[in-house]
Amino acid sequence: MVLQLSLVSAIDDESYDLCTSTLCNLSGNPPVLFSHFTAMLKPNPTFDIEQTNSKNQLIEQNRLKLCKEVPLDQLEPDGSKRDYEMLKNYQDDKLDGFNLQVVEDMLHGSTDLDRMDVDEAKSDDSWILSIADIPAAGSNRKVSTQSITENTILSSGGSSPSIIAFLSEFGYVPDYQFLTLGVKFNMNHSVYLELSKVWLIQGGESKQITKGGFLVKAFVNVTKGTDIKSINHGTNALLNLQKELSGYIDLTIPDRKSMDSRLENLSDI
């Protein structure tokens, strides 16, 4: 389990070049390009899941987050063009040059009959599975504080070895999916800052939910929630970065309700 401290903001598309240049100078490091696919899963609604009294809510249904890297060559075959400027080509709903069937194959296994194994098969695709608490409340908090528990699924086997079939055995089914493409900066004092674009993937179609700009997220991961020294250090590092970027990128605490993974919260995307 990690405790993630974070602040968020947004910039418009026109500010991207200046922003990346500024962050390169501040961090002393070049940006690292990343892309990952995320599937959110919910408890199977056909199951009769026990609910407790609302005054003593000990059992709450939560979404699971399933995340996997998407090879960058799926988005840009030309390695010489695979840098931070690549993001400027993705400003619309459609992901030009990217076959959405790739993410379907990741989740459900290949639909190509020549590549399918009908006998006992095994999927060696690794996934990060995580669940997060709603961030801590409090009007005097200076940064968002959220506990995240995660694990790695290295492989799944059986006659239907897809990750979705595997998790369905635990009573979870797909809820919604999205693809994130962005750049990450390694700032000082263990602070990471990401600029990213996000597409909602549904029914073989993509819709950009960050159209016109980029999501900005600065965060610090603390390995132990009881490590007060590291928490204070991470908080101060984020606040110093907030001060440095003030007036240009206004880092603020995100709305905690937008980070609530409980099933009753339907306004998180």
C-alpha atoms as a PDB file:
ATOM      1  CA  MET A   1       0.000   0.000   0.000  1.00  0.00           C
ATOM      2  CA  VAL A   2       1.179   3.516  -0.764  1.00  0.00           C
ATOM      3  CA  LEU A   3      -0.015   6.896   0.363  1.00  0.00           C
ATOM      4  CA  GLN A   4      -0.194   9.257  -2.591  1.00  0.00           C
ATOM      5  CA  LEU A   5       0.066  12.998  -2.022  1.00  0.00           C
ATOM      6  CA  SER A   6      -1.040  15.050  -5.011  1.00  0.00           C
ATOM      7  CA  LEU A   7      -2.028  18.377  -6.531  1.00  0.00           C
ATOM      8  CA  VAL A   8      -3.645  18.880  -9.936  1.00  0.00           C
ATOM      9  CA  SER A   9      -4.210  21.542 -12.557  1.00  0.00           C
ATOM     10  CA  ALA A  10      -4.767  21.923 -16.310  1.00  0.00           C
ATOM     11  CA  ILE A  11      -3.204  23.789 -19.220  1.00  0.00           C
ATOM     12  CA  ASP A  12      -4.506  24.475 -22.723  1.00  0.00           C
ATOM     13  CA  ASP A  13      -3.019  22.937 -25.850  1.00  0.00           C
ATOM     14  CA  GLU A  14      -1.293  26.190 -26.848  1.00  0.00           C
ATOM     15  CA  SER A  15       0.692  26.248 -23.584  1.00  0.00           C
ATOM     16  CA  TYR A  16       2.158  22.774 -24.014  1.00  0.00           C
ATOM     17  CA  ASP A  17       5.492  23.725 -25.630  1.00  0.00           C
ATOM     18  CA  LEU A  18       6.270  26.453 -23.101  1.00  0.00           C
ATOM     19  CA  CYS A  19       5.160  24.236 -20.230  1.00  0.00           C
ATOM     20  CA  THR A  20       7.397  21.312 -21.198  1.00  0.00           C
ATOM     21  CA  SER A  21      10.344  23.672 -21.730  1.00  0.00           C
ATOM     22  CA  THR A  22       9.805  25.254 -18.305  1.00  0.00           C
ATOM     23  CA  LEU A  23       9.506  21.895 -16.546  1.00  0.00           C
ATOM     24  CA  CYS A  24      12.651  20.600 -18.285  1.00  0.00           C
ATOM     25  CA  ASN A  25      14.591  23.591 -16.956  1.00  0.00           C
ATOM     26  CA  LEU A  26      13.156  23.227 -13.454  1.00  0.00           C
ATOM     27  CA  SER A  27      13.736  19.493 -13.186  1.00  0.00           C
ATOM     28  CA  GLY A  28      16.974  19.256 -15.136  1.00  0.00           C
ATOM     29  CA  ASN A  29      15.565  16.110 -16.752  1.00  0.00           C
ATOM     30  CA  PRO A  30      13.950  15.427 -20.130  1.00  0.00           C
ATOM     31  CA  PRO A  31      10.304  14.310 -20.168  1.00  0.00           C
ATOM     32  CA  VAL A  32       9.538  10.587 -20.341  1.00  0.00           C
ATOM     33  CA  LEU A  33       6.764   9.604 -22.735  1.00  0.00           C
ATOM     34  CA  PHE A  34       4.220   7.091 -21.400  1.00  0.00           C
ATOM     35  CA  SER A  35       0.922   5.524 -22.391  1.00  0.00           C
ATOM     36  CA  HIS A  36      -1.304   3.153 -20.484  1.00  0.00           C
ATOM     37  CA  PHE A  37      -4.712   1.568 -20.748  1.00  0.00           C
ATOM     38  CA  THR A  38      -7.002   1.452 -17.725  1.00  0.00           C
ATOM     39  CA  ALA A  39     -10.114  -0.640 -17.193  1.00  0.00           C
ATOM     40  CA  MET A  40     -12.365   0.045 -14.214  1.00  0.00           C
ATOM     41  CA  LEU A  41     -14.321  -2.941 -12.931  1.00  0.00           C
ATOM     42  CA  LYS A  42     -17.369  -3.104 -10.691  1.00  0.00           C
ATOM     43  CA  PRO A  43     -19.029  -5.901  -8.699  1.00  0.00           C
ATOM     44  CA  ASN A  44     -21.279  -8.005 -10.917  1.00  0.00           C
ATOM     45  CA  PRO A  45     -24.772  -6.458 -10.555  1.00  0.00           C
ATOM     46  CA  THR A  46     -26.402  -9.868 -11.037  1.00  0.00           C
ATOM     47  CA  PHE A  47     -24.920 -11.039  -7.741  1.00  0.00           C
ATOM     48  CA  ASP A  48     -26.850 -10.533  -4.517  1.00  0.00           C
ATOM     49  CA  ILE A  49     -24.205  -8.681  -2.503  1.00  0.00           C
ATOM     50  CA  GLU A  50     -24.945  -8.163   1.173  1.00  0.00           C
ATOM     51  CA  GLN A  51     -25.473  -4.558   2.234  1.00  0.00           C
ATOM     52  CA  THR A  52     -25.319  -3.306   5.810  1.00  0.00           C
ATOM     53  CA  ASN A  53     -27.271  -0.610   7.577  1.00  0.00           C
ATOM     54  CA  SER A  54     -26.412   2.866   6.259  1.00  0.00           C
ATOM     55  CA  LYS A  55     -25.668   3.964   9.817  1.00  0.00           C
ATOM     56  CA  ASN A  56     -23.072   1.215  10.127  1.00  0.00           C
ATOM     57  CA  GLN A  57     -21.756   0.846   6.574  1.00  0.00           C
ATOM     58  CA  LEU A  58     -19.108  -1.811   7.040  1.00  0.00           C
ATOM     59  CA  ILE A  59     -19.457  -3.257   3.543  1.00  0.00           C
ATOM     60  CA  GLU A  60     -19.093  -0.903   0.591  1.00  0.00           C
ATOM     61  CA  GLN A  61     -18.856  -1.925  -3.035  1.00  0.00           C
ATOM     62  CA  ASN A  62     -15.787  -0.460  -4.735  1.00  0.00           C
ATOM     63  CA  ARG A  63     -14.444  -0.377  -8.243  1.00  0.00           C
ATOM     64  CA  LEU A  64     -11.156  -2.075  -9.066  1.00  0.00           C
ATOM     65  CA  LYS A  65      -8.601  -0.408 -11.312  1.00  0.00           C
ATOM     66  CA  LEU A  66      -6.776  -2.539 -13.849  1.00  0.00           C
ATOM     67  CA  CYS A  67      -3.867  -0.855 -15.622  1.00  0.00           C
ATOM     68  CA  LYS A  68      -1.360  -1.881 -18.280  1.00  0.00           C
ATOM     69  CA  GLU A  69       1.213  -0.090 -20.401  1.00  0.00           C
ATOM     70  CA  VAL A  70       0.445   0.305 -24.092  1.00  0.00           C
ATOM     71  CA  PRO A  71       3.558  -0.134 -26.286  1.00  0.00           C
ATOM     72  CA  LEU A  72       4.432   3.235 -27.779  1.00  0.00           C
ATOM     73  CA  ASP A  73       5.049   1.654 -31.168  1.00  0.00           C
ATOM     74  CA  GLN A  74       1.301   1.009 -31.329  1.00  0.00           C
ATOM     75  CA  LEU A  75       0.799   4.782 -31.319  1.00  0.00           C
ATOM     76  CA  GLU A  76       3.863   5.860 -33.313  1.00  0.00           C
ATOM     77  CA  PRO A  77       5.718   3.220 -35.387  1.00  0.00           C
ATOM     78  CA  ASP A  78       8.519   5.677 -36.223  1.00  0.00           C
ATOM     79  CA  GLY A  79      10.878   5.633 -33.234  1.00  0.00           C
ATOM     80  CA  SER A  80      12.485   8.940 -34.245  1.00  0.00           C
ATOM     81  CA  LYS A  81       9.135  10.706 -33.737  1.00  0.00           C
ATOM     82  CA  ARG A  82       8.493   9.127 -30.348  1.00  0.00           C
ATOM     83  CA  ASP A  83       9.085  12.112 -28.068  1.00  0.00           C
ATOM     84  CA  TYR A  84       7.134  14.708 -26.108  1.00  0.00           C
ATOM     85  CA  GLU A  85       6.126  16.570 -29.292  1.00  0.00           C
ATOM     86  CA  MET A  86       4.142  13.515 -30.338  1.00  0.00           C
ATOM     87  CA  LEU A  87       1.334  14.560 -27.976  1.00  0.00           C
ATOM     88  CA  LYS A  88       0.589  17.635 -30.087  1.00  0.00           C
ATOM     89  CA  ASN A  89      -0.772  15.320 -32.780  1.00  0.00           C
ATOM     90  CA  TYR A  90      -3.501  13.989 -30.485  1.00  0.00           C
ATOM     91  CA  GLN A  91      -5.985  16.806 -29.958  1.00  0.00           C
ATOM     92  CA  ASP A  92      -9.154  15.143 -31.258  1.00  0.00           C
ATOM     93  CA  ASP A  93     -11.497  12.369 -30.177  1.00  0.00           C
ATOM     94  CA  LYS A  94     -10.061   9.960 -32.715  1.00  0.00           C
ATOM     95  CA  LEU A  95      -6.722   8.302 -31.985  1.00  0.00           C
ATOM     96  CA  ASP A  96      -5.228   8.456 -35.476  1.00  0.00           C
ATOM     97  CA  GLY A  97      -3.055   5.472 -36.278  1.00  0.00           C
ATOM     98  CA  PHE A  98      -4.060   3.507 -33.187  1.00  0.00           C
ATOM     99  CA  ASN A  99      -6.138   0.354 -33.548  1.00  0.00           C
ATOM    100  CA  LEU A 100      -8.585   0.176 -30.633  1.00  0.00           C
ATOM    101  CA  GLN A 101      -8.748  -3.586 -31.143  1.00  0.00           C
ATOM    102  CA  VAL A 102      -5.368  -3.720 -29.397  1.00  0.00           C
ATOM    103  CA  VAL A 103      -6.910  -2.829 -26.031  1.00  0.00           C
ATOM    104  CA  GLU A 104      -9.795  -5.251 -26.595  1.00  0.00           C
ATOM    105  CA  ASP A 105      -7.250  -8.007 -27.187  1.00  0.00           C
ATOM    106  CA  MET A 106      -5.474  -6.993 -23.982  1.00  0.00           C
ATOM    107  CA  LEU A 107      -8.660  -7.428 -21.968  1.00  0.00           C
ATOM    108  CA  HIS A 108     -10.422 -10.323 -23.629  1.00  0.00           C
ATOM    109  CA  GLY A 109      -7.653 -12.124 -25.475  1.00  0.00           C
ATOM    110  CA  SER A 110      -7.044 -12.169 -29.203  1.00  0.00           C
ATOM    111  CA  THR A 111     -10.019 -12.408 -31.551  1.00  0.00           C
ATOM    112  CA  ASP A 112      -7.729 -13.752 -34.286  1.00  0.00           C
ATOM    113  CA  LEU A 113      -8.549 -17.469 -34.603  1.00  0.00           C
ATOM    114  CA  ASP A 114      -5.031 -18.218 -35.841  1.00  0.00           C
ATOM    115  CA  ARG A 115      -3.590 -16.821 -32.585  1.00  0.00           C
ATOM    116  CA  MET A 116      -6.069 -18.405 -30.170  1.00  0.00           C
ATOM    117  CA  ASP A 117      -5.321 -21.567 -28.188  1.00  0.00           C
ATOM    118  CA  VAL A 118      -8.371 -23.713 -27.576  1.00  0.00           C
ATOM    119  CA  ASP A 119      -6.700 -25.993 -25.025  1.00  0.00           C
ATOM    120  CA  GLU A 120      -5.508 -25.006 -21.576  1.00  0.00           C
ATOM    121  CA  ALA A 121      -3.813 -21.721 -22.298  1.00  0.00           C
ATOM    122  CA  LYS A 122      -1.918 -19.144 -20.329  1.00  0.00           C
ATOM    123  CA  SER A 123      -1.778 -15.374 -20.574  1.00  0.00           C
ATOM    124  CA  ASP A 124       1.590 -13.897 -19.624  1.00  0.00           C
ATOM    125  CA  ASP A 125       0.413 -10.295 -19.900  1.00  0.00           C
ATOM    126  CA  SER A 126       1.047  -8.572 -16.578  1.00  0.00           C
ATOM    127  CA  TRP A 127      -1.427  -6.063 -15.137  1.00  0.00           C
ATOM    128  CA  ILE A 128      -1.435  -3.720 -12.162  1.00  0.00           C
ATOM    129  CA  LEU A 129      -4.557  -4.227 -10.050  1.00  0.00           C
ATOM    130  CA  SER A 130      -5.356  -1.528  -7.486  1.00  0.00           C
ATOM    131  CA  ILE A 131      -8.075  -0.204  -5.224  1.00  0.00           C
ATOM    132  CA  ALA A 132      -8.094   3.246  -3.636  1.00  0.00           C
ATOM    133  CA  ASP A 133      -9.790   4.881  -0.669  1.00  0.00           C
ATOM    134  CA  ILE A 134     -11.566   8.187  -1.067  1.00  0.00           C
ATOM    135  CA  PRO A 135      -8.990  10.915  -0.226  1.00  0.00           C
ATOM    136  CA  ALA A 136      -8.897  12.129   3.349  1.00  0.00           C
ATOM    137  CA  ALA A 137     -11.303  14.949   4.177  1.00  0.00           C
ATOM    138  CA  GLY A 138     -10.523  18.198   5.968  1.00  0.00           C
ATOM    139  CA  SER A 139     -10.717  21.872   5.096  1.00  0.00           C
ATOM    140  CA  ASN A 140      -7.210  22.555   6.402  1.00  0.00           C
ATOM    141  CA  ARG A 141      -5.447  20.047   4.137  1.00  0.00           C
ATOM    142  CA  LYS A 142      -2.851  21.506   1.790  1.00  0.00           C
ATOM    143  CA  VAL A 143      -2.511  18.467  -0.504  1.00  0.00           C
ATOM    144  CA  SER A 144      -4.704  15.520  -1.424  1.00  0.00           C
ATOM    145  CA  THR A 145      -3.923  12.356   0.546  1.00  0.00           C
ATOM    146  CA  GLN A 146      -5.126   9.005  -0.794  1.00  0.00           C
ATOM    147  CA  SER A 147      -4.317   5.418   0.216  1.00  0.00           C
ATOM    148  CA  ILE A 148      -3.812   3.057  -2.728  1.00  0.00           C
ATOM    149  CA  THR A 149      -3.415  -0.708  -2.446  1.00  0.00           C
ATOM    150  CA  GLU A 150      -2.033  -2.429  -5.517  1.00  0.00           C
ATOM    151  CA  ASN A 151      -0.663  -5.734  -6.699  1.00  0.00           C
ATOM    152  CA  THR A 152       0.652  -7.235  -9.915  1.00  0.00           C
ATOM    153  CA  ILE A 153      -1.104 -10.008 -11.816  1.00  0.00           C
ATOM    154  CA  LEU A 154       1.672 -11.743 -13.724  1.00  0.00           C
ATOM    155  CA  SER A 155      -0.405 -14.307 -15.602  1.00  0.00           C
ATOM    156  CA  SER A 156      -3.777 -16.010 -15.766  1.00  0.00           C
ATOM    157  CA  GLY A 157      -4.516 -19.515 -17.049  1.00  0.00           C
ATOM    158  CA  GLY A 158      -7.287 -21.937 -17.884  1.00  0.00           C
ATOM    159  CA  SER A 159      -9.479 -22.520 -20.902  1.00  0.00           C
ATOM    160  CA  SER A 160     -10.226 -18.778 -21.030  1.00  0.00           C
ATOM    161  CA  PRO A 161      -7.038 -17.063 -19.849  1.00  0.00           C
ATOM    162  CA  SER A 162      -8.035 -13.435 -20.431  1.00  0.00           C
ATOM    163  CA  ILE A 163      -7.723 -11.015 -17.517  1.00  0.00           C
ATOM    164  CA  ILE A 164     -11.460 -10.220 -17.700  1.00  0.00           C
ATOM    165  CA  ALA A 165     -12.379 -13.916 -17.459  1.00  0.00           C
ATOM    166  CA  PHE A 166      -9.985 -14.251 -14.522  1.00  0.00           C
ATOM    167  CA  LEU A 167     -11.518 -11.356 -12.573  1.00  0.00           C
ATOM    168  CA  SER A 168     -15.063 -12.439 -13.402  1.00  0.00           C
ATOM    169  CA  GLU A 169     -14.371 -15.461 -11.206  1.00  0.00           C
ATOM    170  CA  PHE A 170     -14.042 -12.997  -8.337  1.00  0.00           C
ATOM    171  CA  GLY A 171     -17.347 -11.345  -9.191  1.00  0.00           C
ATOM    172  CA  TYR A 172     -16.102  -8.284 -11.111  1.00  0.00           C
ATOM    173  CA  VAL A 173     -17.189  -7.115 -14.563  1.00  0.00           C
ATOM    174  CA  PRO A 174     -16.026  -4.182 -16.771  1.00  0.00           C
ATOM    175  CA  ASP A 175     -17.482  -0.754 -15.989  1.00  0.00           C
ATOM    176  CA  TYR A 176     -15.613   1.737 -18.201  1.00  0.00           C
ATOM    177  CA  GLN A 177     -12.211   2.063 -19.880  1.00  0.00           C
ATOM    178  CA  PHE A 178      -9.826   4.842 -20.803  1.00  0.00           C
ATOM    179  CA  LEU A 179      -6.468   5.388 -22.478  1.00  0.00           C
ATOM    180  CA  THR A 180      -3.903   7.861 -21.155  1.00  0.00           C
ATOM    181  CA  LEU A 181      -1.032   9.331 -23.174  1.00  0.00           C
ATOM    182  CA  GLY A 182       1.362  11.778 -21.595  1.00  0.00           C
ATOM    183  CA  VAL A 183       4.804  12.820 -20.432  1.00  0.00           C
ATOM    184  CA  LYS A 184       6.296  12.529 -16.960  1.00  0.00           C
ATOM    185  CA  PHE A 185       8.927  14.748 -15.341  1.00  0.00           C
ATOM    186  CA  ASN A 186      11.105  13.623 -12.449  1.00  0.00           C
ATOM    187  CA  MET A 187      11.210  16.774 -10.347  1.00  0.00           C
ATOM    188  CA  ASN A 188      13.264  17.341  -7.190  1.00  0.00           C
ATOM    189  CA  HIS A 189      12.606  15.620  -3.841  1.00  0.00           C
ATOM    190  CA  SER A 190      10.791  12.553  -5.259  1.00  0.00           C
ATOM    191  CA  VAL A 191       8.060  14.651  -6.892  1.00  0.00           C
ATOM    192  CA  TYR A 192       6.739  13.494 -10.250  1.00  0.00           C
ATOM    193  CA  LEU A 193       4.719  15.726 -12.555  1.00  0.00           C
ATOM    194  CA  GLU A 194       2.616  14.423 -15.432  1.00  0.00           C
ATOM    195  CA  LEU A 195       1.003  16.157 -18.393  1.00  0.00           C
ATOM    196  CA  SER A 196      -1.535  13.859 -20.003  1.00  0.00           C
ATOM    197  CA  LYS A 197      -4.445  13.471 -22.363  1.00  0.00           C
ATOM    198  CA  VAL A 198      -7.229  10.981 -21.610  1.00  0.00           C
ATOM    199  CA  TRP A 199      -9.635   9.193 -23.948  1.00  0.00           C
ATOM    200  CA  LEU A 200     -12.745   7.325 -22.849  1.00  0.00           C
ATOM    201  CA  ILE A 201     -12.966   4.046 -24.792  1.00  0.00           C
ATOM    202  CA  GLN A 202     -16.473   2.701 -25.334  1.00  0.00           C
ATOM    203  CA  GLY A 203     -18.070   0.513 -27.981  1.00  0.00           C
ATOM    204  CA  GLY A 204     -15.036   0.600 -30.244  1.00  0.00           C
ATOM    205  CA  GLU A 205     -15.042   4.415 -30.215  1.00  0.00           C
ATOM    206  CA  SER A 206     -12.799   6.929 -28.446  1.00  0.00           C
ATOM    207  CA  LYS A 207     -13.761  10.271 -26.933  1.00  0.00           C
ATOM    208  CA  GLN A 208     -11.168  12.654 -25.552  1.00  0.00           C
ATOM    209  CA  ILE A 209     -12.235  13.985 -22.155  1.00  0.00           C
ATOM    210  CA  THR A 210      -9.292  16.407 -21.977  1.00  0.00           C
ATOM    211  CA  LYS A 211     -10.011  18.028 -25.359  1.00  0.00           C
ATOM    212  CA  GLY A 212      -8.471  21.480 -25.635  1.00  0.00           C
ATOM    213  CA  GLY A 213      -5.874  20.922 -22.951  1.00  0.00           C
ATOM    214  CA  PHE A 214      -3.792  18.661 -20.747  1.00  0.00           C
ATOM    215  CA  LEU A 215      -4.371  17.295 -17.277  1.00  0.00           C
ATOM    216  CA  VAL A 216      -1.528  18.232 -14.931  1.00  0.00           C
ATOM    217  CA  LYS A 217      -0.791  16.101 -11.884  1.00  0.00           C
ATOM    218  CA  ALA A 218       2.063  16.467  -9.398  1.00  0.00           C
ATOM    219  CA  PHE A 219       2.421  13.670  -6.868  1.00  0.00           C
ATOM    220  CA  VAL A 220       4.613  11.965  -4.297  1.00  0.00           C
ATOM    221  CA  ASN A 221       4.229   8.315  -3.288  1.00  0.00           C
ATOM    222  CA  VAL A 222       4.985   7.475   0.343  1.00  0.00           C
ATOM    223  CA  THR A 223       5.491   3.757   0.937  1.00  0.00           C
ATOM    224  CA  LYS A 224       4.172   3.771   4.511  1.00  0.00           C
ATOM    225  CA  GLY A 225       1.145   5.706   5.677  1.00  0.00           C
ATOM    226  CA  THR A 226       2.647   5.869   9.168  1.00  0.00           C
ATOM    227  CA  ASP A 227       5.901   7.473   8.002  1.00  0.00           C
ATOM    228  CA  ILE A 228       5.146  10.995   9.231  1.00  0.00           C
ATOM    229  CA  LYS A 229       8.597  12.284   8.289  1.00  0.00           C
ATOM    230  CA  SER A 230       8.222  11.205   4.642  1.00  0.00           C
ATOM    231  CA  ILE A 231       4.660  12.536   4.503  1.00  0.00           C
ATOM    232  CA  ASN A 232       5.773  15.946   5.758  1.00  0.00           C
ATOM    233  CA  HIS A 233       8.732  15.918   3.373  1.00  0.00           C
ATOM    234  CA  GLY A 234       6.494  15.063   0.412  1.00  0.00           C
ATOM    235  CA  THR A 235       3.909  17.668   1.402  1.00  0.00           C
ATOM    236  CA  ASN A 236       6.545  20.398   1.646  1.00  0.00           C
ATOM    237  CA  ALA A 237       8.046  19.363  -1.703  1.00  0.00           C
ATOM    238  CA  LEU A 238       4.644  19.650  -3.397  1.00  0.00           C
ATOM    239  CA  LEU A 239       3.935  23.008  -1.763  1.00  0.00           C
ATOM    240  CA  ASN A 240       7.332  24.339  -2.878  1.00  0.00           C
ATOM    241  CA  LEU A 241       6.594  23.242  -6.452  1.00  0.00           C
ATOM    242  CA  GLN A 242       3.158  24.842  -6.187  1.00  0.00           C
ATOM    243  CA  LYS A 243       4.820  28.102  -5.173  1.00  0.00           C
ATOM    244  CA  GLU A 244       7.420  27.890  -7.962  1.00  0.00           C
ATOM    245  CA  LEU A 245       4.751  27.398 -10.622  1.00  0.00           C
ATOM    246  CA  SER A 246       2.254  29.848  -9.125  1.00  0.00           C
ATOM    247  CA  GLY A 247       0.704  32.158 -11.704  1.00  0.00           C
ATOM    248  CA  TYR A 248       1.625  29.823 -14.536  1.00  0.00           C
ATOM    249  CA  ILE A 249       0.321  26.435 -13.431  1.00  0.00           C
ATOM    250  CA  ASP A 250      -1.991  26.807 -10.448  1.00  0.00           C
ATOM    251  CA  LEU A 251      -1.724  23.467  -8.674  1.00  0.00           C
ATOM    252  CA  THR A 252      -4.689  22.805  -6.379  1.00  0.00           C
ATOM    253  CA  ILE A 253      -6.241  19.989  -4.357  1.00  0.00           C
ATOM    254  CA  PRO A 254      -8.500  17.855  -6.586  1.00  0.00           C
ATOM    255  CA  ASP A 255     -12.154  17.356  -5.719  1.00  0.00           C
ATOM    256  CA  ARG A 256     -12.101  14.289  -3.477  1.00  0.00           C
ATOM    257  CA  LYS A 257     -15.476  13.120  -4.819  1.00  0.00           C
ATOM    258  CA  SER A 258     -13.968  12.795  -8.296  1.00  0.00           C
ATOM    259  CA  MET A 259     -11.479  10.314  -6.816  1.00  0.00           C
ATOM    260  CA  ASP A 260     -14.079   8.208  -4.997  1.00  0.00           C
ATOM    261  CA  SER A 261     -14.028   4.611  -6.290  1.00  0.00           C
ATOM    262  CA  ARG A 262     -17.135   3.519  -4.390  1.00  0.00           C
ATOM    263  CA  LEU A 263     -19.881   2.182  -6.627  1.00  0.00           C
ATOM    264  CA  GLU A 264     -22.460   4.630  -5.287  1.00  0.00           C
ATOM    265  CA  ASN A 265     -20.388   7.498  -6.660  1.00  0.00           C
ATOM    266  CA  LEU A 266     -21.403   7.859 -10.319  1.00  0.00           C
ATOM    267  CA  SER A 267     -19.751  11.223 -10.966  1.00  0.00           C
ATOM    268  CA  ASP A 268     -16.120  10.138 -11.101  1.00  0.00           C
ATOM    269  CA  ILE A 269     -15.617  10.405 -14.854  1.00  0.00           C
END
